[in-house]
């Protein structure tokens, strides 16, 4: 297959357009994320004709690496992790556009100067010009020195006449609290305007998450009942079967609240609760998401103690890098309220944990019960509540639970109307990084977190972290690995005469 065939053979996937000429630089290119996620996603884009001939990838790392070995390792990763079948000709097209640049350190100015020289050389060789996309797949402590060096290199390039755009993708965690997030944002703003900054949250690249807006605003039947007059409560759960593994050292500085809730879960909550935007443009959508976060009802320390719960699985303290008296949570449950006209008085329960029974991410909208006056004599138990379950992973799709009469009897049983992506469309949905990388390449920031979103989210979480630190809430409750968390978490929601939704329901 020729180069031109690869770039033009497949029509734009799902209406997407081919990205413009660009040299993509991946900092931390020898890491696991690059091999397992980024390069497989780029291969899938190339296979669909969404990357132009004028495209190249330059990996930057501190580890000495032969360029041929670097390419081979990434090729093996593509064979193992890419969504689309491996095609030798498609791989050869991409392989010839992959380069490696070694540097002494992420903060080393000379290393960045040499990197820029290499980028100019590569850009000319493939015809990509001065367009640059930088991906920071590096530890958070390295963000600042890389951004500072990229900014200084950019100043020099502008003086030399460079005219292309330069964008930067920043991986989470974006700060560890409000103060650190504000500091990092201020640093980035010195060198990159906000429309060139892409704070990546891979959850927003998942098809079910994106489809929340279509489900809500593309169907008239939901809007009349998507409010506090009809909804009883909302649950958002992200459970993981794996433990912290080799990330225990990092997890000691993070915990479940920082690692998952402040970014992924808040973003999903915002999409579920937002008002209709004036358009599907990036800022119009993000404006409405921001309003949700700003409407979260603040809590004092006593309310935080009542509306938050922490857990820690048995054996966590024995992991390498964990303090023997650690109070870091591997499980967290929150009860929040969006205090606005649509949602006031409706509890939103967020639950996340490691080492739980099942790997699942889903949103549950549970509507209020019908008056139990027509069927109470026929039923031994109350009718089941109507419920919409939006499954983000695994088995992406939706399910609506309703009540129906069993033929030939007076029994009423709950039934489901289900939609499954793979079954309906005949293929698995694209990987999140596939969509997000393409969006960054074409400059669409709709699915990325804006500066004010990030800081507002930390403004919600900071008081919780401070209350926990100051002893205003119970220490983490222990739970057994492979369970659904501490038994106290059931008491946490049962006191409201509700219960956690189990994925098998």
Protein backbone atom coordinates (compact mmCIF):
# COMPACT_ATOMS: atom_id res chain seq x y z
CA UNK A 1 0.00 0.00 0.00
CA UNK A 2 1.45 3.38 -0.99
CA UNK A 3 1.68 6.42 1.26
CA UNK A 4 -1.07 8.20 -0.65
CA UNK A 5 -3.30 5.13 -0.43
CA UNK A 6 -3.01 5.02 3.35
CA UNK A 7 -3.91 8.67 3.76
CA UNK A 8 -6.84 8.67 1.34
CA UNK A 9 -8.23 5.13 1.14
CA UNK A 10 -10.57 5.34 4.11
CA UNK A 11 -13.20 8.03 4.19
CA UNK A 12 -13.31 10.14 7.34
CA UNK A 13 -14.42 7.97 10.22
CA UNK A 14 -17.77 8.98 11.70
CA UNK A 15 -17.70 12.25 9.80
CA UNK A 16 -14.24 13.15 11.09
CA UNK A 17 -11.85 14.99 8.85
CA UNK A 18 -8.20 14.32 8.17
CA UNK A 19 -5.93 16.17 10.54
CA UNK A 20 -3.64 18.94 9.23
CA UNK A 21 0.14 18.51 8.77
CA UNK A 22 1.87 18.18 12.13
CA UNK A 23 4.83 16.78 14.05
CA UNK A 24 3.63 15.11 17.26
CA UNK A 25 6.17 15.04 20.09
CA UNK A 26 5.59 12.56 22.92
CA UNK A 27 7.47 13.30 26.14
CA UNK A 28 7.87 10.05 28.05
CA UNK A 29 7.87 8.08 24.82
CA UNK A 30 9.43 4.95 26.34
CA UNK A 31 6.66 4.65 28.91
CA UNK A 32 3.75 2.23 29.09
CA UNK A 33 1.10 4.75 28.04
CA UNK A 34 2.83 5.37 24.71
CA UNK A 35 3.12 1.66 23.88
CA UNK A 36 -0.31 0.55 25.11
CA UNK A 37 -2.51 3.53 24.21
CA UNK A 38 -0.99 6.37 22.20
CA UNK A 39 0.70 4.52 19.32
CA UNK A 40 -2.13 1.99 18.89
CA UNK A 41 -4.55 4.93 18.71
CA UNK A 42 -2.36 6.70 16.14
CA UNK A 43 -2.13 3.48 14.11
CA UNK A 44 -5.93 3.22 14.09
CA UNK A 45 -6.19 6.84 12.91
CA UNK A 46 -3.68 6.19 10.15
CA UNK A 47 -5.54 3.04 9.07
CA UNK A 48 -8.73 5.10 8.69
CA UNK A 49 -7.06 7.77 6.59
CA UNK A 50 -7.27 10.40 9.32
CA UNK A 51 -3.54 11.21 9.36
CA UNK A 52 -1.99 13.06 6.42
CA UNK A 53 1.21 12.18 4.60
CA UNK A 54 2.68 15.31 6.19
CA UNK A 55 2.78 13.77 9.66
CA UNK A 56 5.50 12.46 11.97
CA UNK A 57 5.99 11.32 15.56
CA UNK A 58 9.07 12.19 17.58
CA UNK A 59 9.44 10.41 20.89
CA UNK A 60 11.49 12.19 23.57
CA UNK A 61 12.91 10.27 26.51
CA UNK A 62 15.82 10.20 28.93
CA UNK A 63 16.65 6.59 28.22
CA UNK A 64 19.24 5.90 25.48
CA UNK A 65 17.36 4.09 22.75
CA UNK A 66 18.20 2.88 19.28
CA UNK A 67 15.64 4.32 16.88
CA UNK A 68 15.09 0.96 15.19
CA UNK A 69 14.50 -0.77 18.52
CA UNK A 70 12.16 2.05 19.54
CA UNK A 71 10.07 1.54 16.42
CA UNK A 72 10.05 -2.23 16.82
CA UNK A 73 8.81 -2.00 20.41
CA UNK A 74 5.99 0.30 19.36
CA UNK A 75 5.10 -2.04 16.50
CA UNK A 76 4.75 -4.92 18.93
CA UNK A 77 2.49 -2.74 21.08
CA UNK A 78 0.31 -1.96 18.08
CA UNK A 79 -0.04 -5.68 17.27
CA UNK A 80 -1.17 -6.32 20.82
CA UNK A 81 -3.30 -3.28 21.65
CA UNK A 82 -4.59 -1.61 18.47
CA UNK A 83 -8.34 -1.75 17.87
CA UNK A 84 -8.04 -2.49 14.14
CA UNK A 85 -6.31 -5.58 12.70
CA UNK A 86 -2.58 -5.24 12.14
CA UNK A 87 -1.70 -4.58 8.51
CA UNK A 88 1.96 -4.72 7.52
CA UNK A 89 1.70 -2.03 4.86
CA UNK A 90 -0.18 0.35 7.13
CA UNK A 91 2.43 -0.21 9.82
CA UNK A 92 5.29 0.46 7.39
CA UNK A 93 3.68 3.77 6.46
CA UNK A 94 3.53 4.82 10.11
CA UNK A 95 6.87 3.26 11.07
CA UNK A 96 8.72 5.47 8.59
CA UNK A 97 7.32 8.50 10.39
CA UNK A 98 8.47 7.55 13.89
CA UNK A 99 11.68 9.00 15.34
CA UNK A 100 13.38 9.05 18.74
CA UNK A 101 15.27 11.87 20.46
CA UNK A 102 17.13 11.23 23.70
CA UNK A 103 17.74 14.01 26.21
CA UNK A 104 19.51 14.24 29.56
CA UNK A 105 16.42 15.49 31.36
CA UNK A 106 12.98 17.02 30.84
CA UNK A 107 14.16 20.29 32.32
CA UNK A 108 17.44 20.44 30.41
CA UNK A 109 17.47 23.51 28.14
CA UNK A 110 20.14 22.09 25.84
CA UNK A 111 18.11 18.90 25.36
CA UNK A 112 15.12 21.00 24.33
CA UNK A 113 17.21 23.04 21.92
CA UNK A 114 18.42 19.85 20.24
CA UNK A 115 14.87 18.49 20.22
CA UNK A 116 13.65 21.61 18.41
CA UNK A 117 16.40 21.21 15.82
CA UNK A 118 15.25 17.62 15.27
CA UNK A 119 11.61 18.70 15.00
CA UNK A 120 12.49 21.28 12.37
CA UNK A 121 14.43 18.64 10.44
CA UNK A 122 11.64 16.07 10.66
CA UNK A 123 8.99 18.67 9.85
CA UNK A 124 10.79 19.58 6.64
CA UNK A 125 11.35 15.95 5.66
CA UNK A 126 7.64 15.09 5.77
CA UNK A 127 6.31 18.52 4.78
CA UNK A 128 4.64 19.19 8.15
CA UNK A 129 6.06 22.68 8.49
CA UNK A 130 6.01 24.37 11.90
CA UNK A 131 2.83 22.78 13.32
CA UNK A 132 3.56 21.06 16.63
CA UNK A 133 1.53 19.00 19.07
CA UNK A 134 3.28 18.14 22.36
CA UNK A 135 2.00 15.27 24.50
CA UNK A 136 3.18 15.31 28.14
CA UNK A 137 3.09 11.63 29.10
CA UNK A 138 5.39 12.26 32.05
CA UNK A 139 5.22 12.43 35.87
CA UNK A 140 3.37 15.54 37.13
CA UNK A 141 6.52 16.95 38.73
CA UNK A 142 8.03 17.21 35.26
CA UNK A 143 5.20 19.29 33.77
CA UNK A 144 6.59 22.67 34.82
CA UNK A 145 10.16 22.30 33.49
CA UNK A 146 8.92 20.90 30.16
CA UNK A 147 6.36 23.68 29.71
CA UNK A 148 8.92 26.36 30.57
CA UNK A 149 11.39 24.97 28.05
CA UNK A 150 8.74 24.58 25.36
CA UNK A 151 7.74 28.18 25.96
CA UNK A 152 11.29 29.47 25.64
CA UNK A 153 11.91 27.42 22.50
CA UNK A 154 8.70 28.81 21.05
CA UNK A 155 9.88 32.38 21.59
CA UNK A 156 13.08 31.63 19.69
CA UNK A 157 11.16 29.91 16.89
CA UNK A 158 8.84 32.89 16.48
CA UNK A 159 11.77 35.27 16.20
CA UNK A 160 13.18 32.99 13.52
CA UNK A 161 9.92 33.25 11.55
CA UNK A 162 8.06 30.06 12.54
CA UNK A 163 4.34 30.54 11.84
CA UNK A 164 2.68 27.21 12.64
CA UNK A 165 0.48 26.44 15.63
CA UNK A 166 1.76 24.78 18.80
CA UNK A 167 -0.54 22.83 21.11
CA UNK A 168 0.12 20.93 24.31
CA UNK A 169 -1.71 17.92 25.79
CA UNK A 170 -1.35 17.56 29.55
CA UNK A 171 -2.13 14.23 31.23
CA UNK A 172 -3.74 14.04 34.67
CA UNK A 173 -3.26 14.56 37.55
CA UNK A 174 -3.58 18.26 36.82
CA UNK A 175 -2.47 19.51 40.22
CA UNK A 176 -2.93 17.96 43.64
CA UNK A 177 -5.13 20.72 45.06
CA UNK A 178 -6.54 24.09 44.05
CA UNK A 179 -3.34 26.02 44.75
CA UNK A 180 -1.12 23.69 42.69
CA UNK A 181 -3.65 23.62 39.83
CA UNK A 182 -3.77 27.41 39.76
CA UNK A 183 0.02 27.59 39.76
CA UNK A 184 0.32 25.13 36.87
CA UNK A 185 -2.43 26.91 34.93
CA UNK A 186 -0.67 30.24 35.38
CA UNK A 187 2.60 28.76 34.11
CA UNK A 188 0.97 27.27 31.02
CA UNK A 189 -0.84 30.53 30.29
CA UNK A 190 2.49 32.34 30.10
CA UNK A 191 3.42 30.36 27.00
CA UNK A 192 0.22 28.85 25.53
CA UNK A 193 -3.18 30.52 25.02
CA UNK A 194 -6.09 28.53 26.41
CA UNK A 195 -7.25 27.33 22.98
CA UNK A 196 -3.87 25.59 22.55
CA UNK A 197 -4.06 23.75 25.90
CA UNK A 198 -5.64 20.27 25.98
CA UNK A 199 -6.05 18.86 29.51
CA UNK A 200 -6.82 15.28 28.62
CA UNK A 201 -9.35 13.14 30.47
CA UNK A 202 -9.64 9.85 28.64
CA UNK A 203 -13.11 9.25 30.09
CA UNK A 204 -14.45 12.03 27.88
CA UNK A 205 -13.18 10.12 24.85
CA UNK A 206 -15.38 7.11 25.61
CA UNK A 207 -18.34 6.74 23.28
CA UNK A 208 -20.95 6.31 26.01
CA UNK A 209 -19.79 9.47 27.76
CA UNK A 210 -19.98 11.43 24.50
CA UNK A 211 -23.39 9.92 23.81
CA UNK A 212 -24.83 11.32 27.05
CA UNK A 213 -25.40 14.61 25.23
CA UNK A 214 -27.07 12.90 22.25
CA UNK A 215 -29.22 10.75 24.52
CA UNK A 216 -30.37 13.78 26.50
CA UNK A 217 -30.70 16.48 23.86
CA UNK A 218 -31.37 14.39 20.75
CA UNK A 219 -34.52 12.78 22.18
CA UNK A 220 -37.57 14.71 23.34
CA UNK A 221 -38.79 12.03 25.77
CA UNK A 222 -36.12 12.66 28.44
CA UNK A 223 -36.25 16.42 28.95
CA UNK A 224 -39.65 16.60 30.72
CA UNK A 225 -38.57 14.06 33.35
CA UNK A 226 -34.84 14.94 33.65
CA UNK A 227 -35.25 17.04 36.81
CA UNK A 228 -36.00 17.02 40.51
CA UNK A 229 -39.76 16.60 39.94
CA UNK A 230 -39.27 13.05 38.65
CA UNK A 231 -35.73 11.86 39.45
CA UNK A 232 -35.22 10.32 42.89
CA UNK A 233 -31.42 10.24 42.80
CA UNK A 234 -28.37 9.70 40.58
CA UNK A 235 -25.52 7.23 41.09
CA UNK A 236 -22.16 7.31 39.33
CA UNK A 237 -19.82 4.39 39.96
CA UNK A 238 -16.30 3.61 38.76
CA UNK A 239 -15.12 0.34 40.25
CA UNK A 240 -11.86 -1.44 39.47
CA UNK A 241 -10.91 -5.06 40.13
CA UNK A 242 -7.18 -4.33 40.19
CA UNK A 243 -5.33 -3.14 43.27
CA UNK A 244 -2.86 -0.26 43.24
CA UNK A 245 -0.08 -2.64 42.13
CA UNK A 246 3.18 -0.89 41.28
CA UNK A 247 1.49 2.52 41.61
CA UNK A 248 1.37 2.32 45.41
CA UNK A 249 4.02 5.03 45.81
CA UNK A 250 2.06 7.40 43.58
CA UNK A 251 -1.23 6.42 45.22
CA UNK A 252 0.11 7.45 48.62
CA UNK A 253 0.26 11.03 47.32
CA UNK A 254 -3.08 10.80 45.57
CA UNK A 255 -5.81 8.50 46.86
CA UNK A 256 -9.12 7.68 45.23
CA UNK A 257 -10.59 11.19 45.50
CA UNK A 258 -7.72 12.89 43.68
CA UNK A 259 -7.06 10.02 41.29
CA UNK A 260 -10.54 9.52 39.90
CA UNK A 261 -13.30 11.69 41.37
CA UNK A 262 -11.99 15.22 40.80
CA UNK A 263 -11.49 14.60 37.09
CA UNK A 264 -13.26 11.59 35.49
CA UNK A 265 -16.32 11.42 37.72
CA UNK A 266 -16.91 15.15 37.95
CA UNK A 267 -16.75 15.37 34.17
CA UNK A 268 -19.37 12.63 33.77
CA UNK A 269 -21.55 14.24 36.45
CA UNK A 270 -21.38 17.56 34.61
CA UNK A 271 -22.59 16.02 31.35
CA UNK A 272 -25.45 14.25 33.11
CA UNK A 273 -26.62 17.37 34.95
CA UNK A 274 -25.83 20.24 32.55
CA UNK A 275 -28.40 22.42 30.78
CA UNK A 276 -28.73 22.32 26.97
CA UNK A 277 -25.87 24.33 25.44
CA UNK A 278 -26.56 26.99 22.81
CA UNK A 279 -24.46 24.91 20.38
CA UNK A 280 -22.14 21.90 20.41
CA UNK A 281 -19.14 24.17 20.14
CA UNK A 282 -16.34 23.58 22.63
CA UNK A 283 -16.89 26.64 24.81
CA UNK A 284 -20.69 26.43 24.77
CA UNK A 285 -20.58 22.84 26.04
CA UNK A 286 -17.88 23.59 28.61
CA UNK A 287 -19.73 26.69 29.83
CA UNK A 288 -22.70 24.52 30.81
CA UNK A 289 -20.49 21.89 32.44
CA UNK A 290 -18.83 24.63 34.47
CA UNK A 291 -22.21 25.86 35.73
CA UNK A 292 -22.87 22.39 37.18
CA UNK A 293 -19.61 22.40 39.11
CA UNK A 294 -20.22 25.93 40.37
CA UNK A 295 -23.66 24.84 41.61
CA UNK A 296 -22.33 22.02 43.82
CA UNK A 297 -23.60 22.82 47.30
CA UNK A 298 -20.67 23.64 49.61
CA UNK A 299 -20.26 21.68 52.83
CA UNK A 300 -18.81 22.60 56.21
CA UNK A 301 -16.61 20.06 58.08
CA UNK A 302 -19.60 18.53 59.87
CA UNK A 303 -21.47 18.07 56.60
CA UNK A 304 -18.36 16.60 55.00
CA UNK A 305 -18.16 14.05 57.81
CA UNK A 306 -21.77 13.09 57.12
CA UNK A 307 -21.65 13.07 53.32
CA UNK A 308 -18.29 11.45 52.59
CA UNK A 309 -16.87 8.01 53.39
CA UNK A 310 -13.45 6.47 52.89
CA UNK A 311 -12.31 2.88 52.64
CA UNK A 312 -9.01 1.01 52.35
CA UNK A 313 -8.68 -2.60 51.23
CA UNK A 314 -6.98 -5.17 53.43
CA UNK A 315 -3.32 -5.51 52.48
CA UNK A 316 -2.87 -2.01 51.07
CA UNK A 317 -0.48 -1.05 53.87
CA UNK A 318 1.79 -3.97 52.92
CA UNK A 319 2.35 -2.65 49.39
CA UNK A 320 5.79 -1.24 48.60
CA UNK A 321 5.96 2.50 49.22
CA UNK A 322 2.93 2.64 51.55
CA UNK A 323 3.28 4.00 55.08
CA UNK A 324 2.38 1.43 57.77
CA UNK A 325 -0.09 3.90 59.30
CA UNK A 326 -1.44 5.18 55.97
CA UNK A 327 -4.89 6.76 55.90
CA UNK A 328 -4.95 7.04 52.11
CA UNK A 329 -8.30 5.95 50.72
CA UNK A 330 -8.58 3.27 48.03
CA UNK A 331 -12.36 3.63 48.16
CA UNK A 332 -14.48 6.76 48.38
CA UNK A 333 -18.21 7.50 48.45
CA UNK A 334 -19.65 11.00 48.23
CA UNK A 335 -23.11 12.48 48.44
CA UNK A 336 -23.32 15.77 46.55
CA UNK A 337 -26.10 18.11 45.47
CA UNK A 338 -26.27 20.39 42.44
CA UNK A 339 -28.08 23.31 44.02
CA UNK A 340 -29.86 24.80 41.03
CA UNK A 341 -33.42 25.01 39.67
CA UNK A 342 -33.28 21.64 37.91
CA UNK A 343 -31.59 19.50 40.56
CA UNK A 344 -32.05 21.13 43.98
CA UNK A 345 -32.79 18.50 46.63
CA UNK A 346 -31.71 15.51 44.51
CA UNK A 347 -28.73 13.56 45.91
CA UNK A 348 -25.93 12.53 43.58
CA UNK A 349 -23.93 9.59 44.90
CA UNK A 350 -20.40 9.04 43.60
CA UNK A 351 -18.57 5.80 44.37
CA UNK A 352 -15.11 4.67 43.32
CA UNK A 353 -12.72 2.03 44.57
CA UNK A 354 -9.80 -0.27 43.86
CA UNK A 355 -9.76 -4.03 44.38
CA UNK A 356 -13.54 -4.35 44.12
CA UNK A 357 -15.72 -7.20 42.90
CA UNK A 358 -16.14 -6.06 39.30
CA UNK A 359 -14.67 -3.62 36.81
CA UNK A 360 -17.49 -1.34 35.77
CA UNK A 361 -18.22 2.33 35.09
CA UNK A 362 -21.81 3.44 34.82
CA UNK A 363 -24.35 6.16 35.52
CA UNK A 364 -27.71 5.28 37.05
CA UNK A 365 -30.70 7.61 36.83
CA UNK A 366 -33.36 6.30 39.20
CA UNK A 367 -36.79 7.87 38.90
CA UNK A 368 -39.29 8.30 41.71
CA UNK A 369 -41.74 5.47 42.39
CA UNK A 370 -45.31 5.48 41.16
CA UNK A 371 -47.99 5.66 43.88
CA UNK A 372 -48.40 2.11 45.12
CA UNK A 373 -52.21 2.09 45.09
CA UNK A 374 -53.12 0.04 42.01
CA UNK A 375 -50.95 -3.02 42.43
CA UNK A 376 -50.31 -3.35 46.16
CA UNK A 377 -52.88 -6.13 46.54
CA UNK A 378 -51.49 -8.06 43.56
CA UNK A 379 -47.82 -7.72 44.40
CA UNK A 380 -45.92 -9.19 47.33
CA UNK A 381 -43.41 -6.37 46.97
CA UNK A 382 -43.51 -2.81 45.62
CA UNK A 383 -42.98 -2.26 41.93
CA UNK A 384 -39.37 -1.76 40.85
CA UNK A 385 -38.32 1.82 40.18
CA UNK A 386 -37.87 2.96 36.60
CA UNK A 387 -34.18 3.30 35.93
CA UNK A 388 -31.81 4.27 33.13
CA UNK A 389 -28.33 2.74 33.28
CA UNK A 390 -25.61 4.23 31.06
CA UNK A 391 -22.78 1.71 30.90
CA UNK A 392 -19.43 3.36 30.11
CA UNK A 393 -17.33 0.21 30.47
CA UNK A 394 -17.30 -2.66 29.79
CA UNK A 395 -19.97 -3.47 27.16
CA UNK A 396 -20.75 0.17 26.35
CA UNK A 397 -24.45 0.90 26.04
CA UNK A 398 -27.70 1.88 27.75
CA UNK A 399 -30.48 -0.02 29.50
CA UNK A 400 -33.93 1.23 30.54
CA UNK A 401 -35.79 -0.66 33.27
CA UNK A 402 -39.58 -0.67 33.29
CA UNK A 403 -42.39 -2.79 34.73
CA UNK A 404 -44.52 -5.16 32.63
CA UNK A 405 -47.18 -7.78 33.29
CA UNK A 406 -46.17 -11.42 32.85
CA UNK A 407 -48.40 -13.11 30.24
CA UNK A 408 -51.00 -15.44 31.72
CA UNK A 409 -50.75 -14.13 35.26
CA UNK A 410 -51.18 -10.98 37.32
CA UNK A 411 -47.48 -10.91 38.20
CA UNK A 412 -45.64 -7.71 37.33
CA UNK A 413 -41.94 -8.03 36.61
CA UNK A 414 -39.25 -5.53 35.73
CA UNK A 415 -37.97 -5.76 32.15
CA UNK A 416 -35.18 -4.05 30.25
CA UNK A 417 -34.84 -2.36 26.91
CA UNK A 418 -31.14 -2.50 26.08
CA UNK A 419 -28.81 -0.94 23.57
CA UNK A 420 -25.30 -2.32 23.06
CA UNK A 421 -22.79 -0.53 20.82
CA UNK A 422 -21.06 -3.63 19.48
CA UNK A 423 -24.32 -5.44 18.77
CA UNK A 424 -26.07 -2.46 17.14
CA UNK A 425 -23.23 -1.10 15.05
CA UNK A 426 -21.35 -4.34 14.42
CA UNK A 427 -18.04 -3.23 15.91
CA UNK A 428 -16.46 -2.06 19.10
CA UNK A 429 -16.49 1.74 19.58
CA UNK A 430 -13.21 3.58 19.00
CA UNK A 431 -10.76 3.79 21.87
CA UNK A 432 -10.89 7.00 23.89
CA UNK A 433 -7.34 8.07 22.99
CA UNK A 434 -8.14 7.58 19.32
CA UNK A 435 -10.86 10.22 19.45
CA UNK A 436 -8.99 12.58 21.76
CA UNK A 437 -5.73 12.55 19.81
CA UNK A 438 -7.59 13.28 16.60
CA UNK A 439 -9.51 16.12 18.25
CA UNK A 440 -6.28 17.69 19.51
CA UNK A 441 -4.73 17.39 16.05
CA UNK A 442 -7.64 19.23 14.44
CA UNK A 443 -7.89 21.73 17.31
CA UNK A 444 -11.29 20.67 18.72
CA UNK A 445 -11.20 21.12 22.50
CA UNK A 446 -14.81 20.12 23.27
CA UNK A 447 -13.80 16.91 25.07
CA UNK A 448 -10.95 18.48 27.02
CA UNK A 449 -11.05 20.21 30.40
CA UNK A 450 -10.87 23.99 30.43
CA UNK A 451 -8.85 25.91 32.99
CA UNK A 452 -11.86 27.20 34.95
CA UNK A 453 -13.40 23.71 35.02
CA UNK A 454 -10.23 22.26 36.51
CA UNK A 455 -9.92 24.93 39.18
CA UNK A 456 -13.61 24.81 40.11
CA UNK A 457 -13.39 21.03 40.54
CA UNK A 458 -10.44 21.42 42.90
CA UNK A 459 -12.39 24.09 44.77
CA UNK A 460 -15.01 21.43 45.54
CA UNK A 461 -12.49 18.79 46.59
CA UNK A 462 -10.11 20.94 48.66
CA UNK A 463 -12.49 21.37 51.65
CA UNK A 464 -13.07 17.60 51.71
CA UNK A 465 -9.34 16.86 51.73
CA UNK A 466 -8.76 19.45 54.45
CA UNK A 467 -11.60 18.10 56.60
CA UNK A 468 -10.20 14.58 56.32
CA UNK A 469 -6.71 15.81 57.14
CA UNK A 470 -7.97 17.68 60.21
CA UNK A 471 -9.79 14.64 61.53
CA UNK A 472 -13.35 15.86 60.93
CA UNK A 473 -14.36 12.55 59.34
CA UNK A 474 -13.83 8.90 60.14
CA UNK A 475 -10.60 7.22 59.07
CA UNK A 476 -10.84 4.83 56.12
CA UNK A 477 -12.88 1.71 56.88
CA UNK A 478 -11.23 -1.56 55.94
CA UNK A 479 -12.78 -3.80 53.31
CA UNK A 480 -11.99 -7.19 51.84
CA UNK A 481 -10.38 -7.36 48.39
CA UNK A 482 -12.90 -8.49 45.81
CA UNK A 483 -15.87 -7.11 47.73
CA UNK A 484 -18.00 -4.05 46.92
CA UNK A 485 -16.23 -1.99 49.57
CA UNK A 486 -16.66 -1.49 53.31
CA UNK A 487 -19.97 -2.47 54.88
CA UNK A 488 -20.17 1.07 56.25
CA UNK A 489 -20.69 2.23 52.66
CA UNK A 490 -24.02 0.37 52.61
CA UNK A 491 -25.01 2.13 55.82
CA UNK A 492 -23.93 5.42 54.19
CA UNK A 493 -26.65 5.19 51.51
CA UNK A 494 -29.15 3.07 53.46
CA UNK A 495 -29.72 5.90 55.91
CA UNK A 496 -31.40 7.75 53.02
CA UNK A 497 -33.58 4.64 52.43
CA UNK A 498 -31.68 3.93 49.23
CA UNK A 499 -29.17 1.30 48.21
CA UNK A 500 -26.24 1.00 45.84
CA UNK A 501 -27.09 -0.23 42.39
CA UNK A 502 -25.33 -3.48 41.54
CA UNK A 503 -24.28 -3.92 37.87
CA UNK A 504 -26.06 -7.29 37.66
CA UNK A 505 -29.45 -5.71 38.37
